[in-house]
């Protein structure tokens, strides 16, 4: 009967919540795309054409600082580079209606992340407290399928030399 270690409990819990992390990633991508679209709409078309034609001659940034209308200087890392001014830093003051949409997406992402982390921690504790593979199999079959296979780590002694000496 094998014991459940903390490392095994952590890896199994992570495997159980893996699908939830994809939802989290989708929310984050949606939020960042909305910010990129808002920023690109504020940049004059001539600047965007110049940026596309001569990207090396344009200051860019992939981070934006959101401030005002409910935002308290929140730094967001974007997926793509965007033309920037003022030493490469982009500051964005969203309109009140836009700020509400952005805040709801941002807070939804943060809340989902907290829920997933809490669930992961609860799963770790539960699996670790079940202590053995057998009790996990009986009480939590969903987790048992994801447990690593039992490996025999016992030390094997080379007895052939001793056996040969006995036969002599």
Foldseek 3Di string as FASTA:
>chain_A
DDWQDLVLLLQLLCVVCVVLVVVLVVLLQVLLVVVVVVVVVPDDPVVVVCCVVCVVPFQWAQWEFEDDLPGPRDIDGHDDIDGDDDRHYHYDYDDNVVVVVSVVSVVVSVVSVVVSVVSSVVSSVVRNVLTDLVSCVVPPVVSSVVGDDDDDPDDDDDCPVVVVVVVD
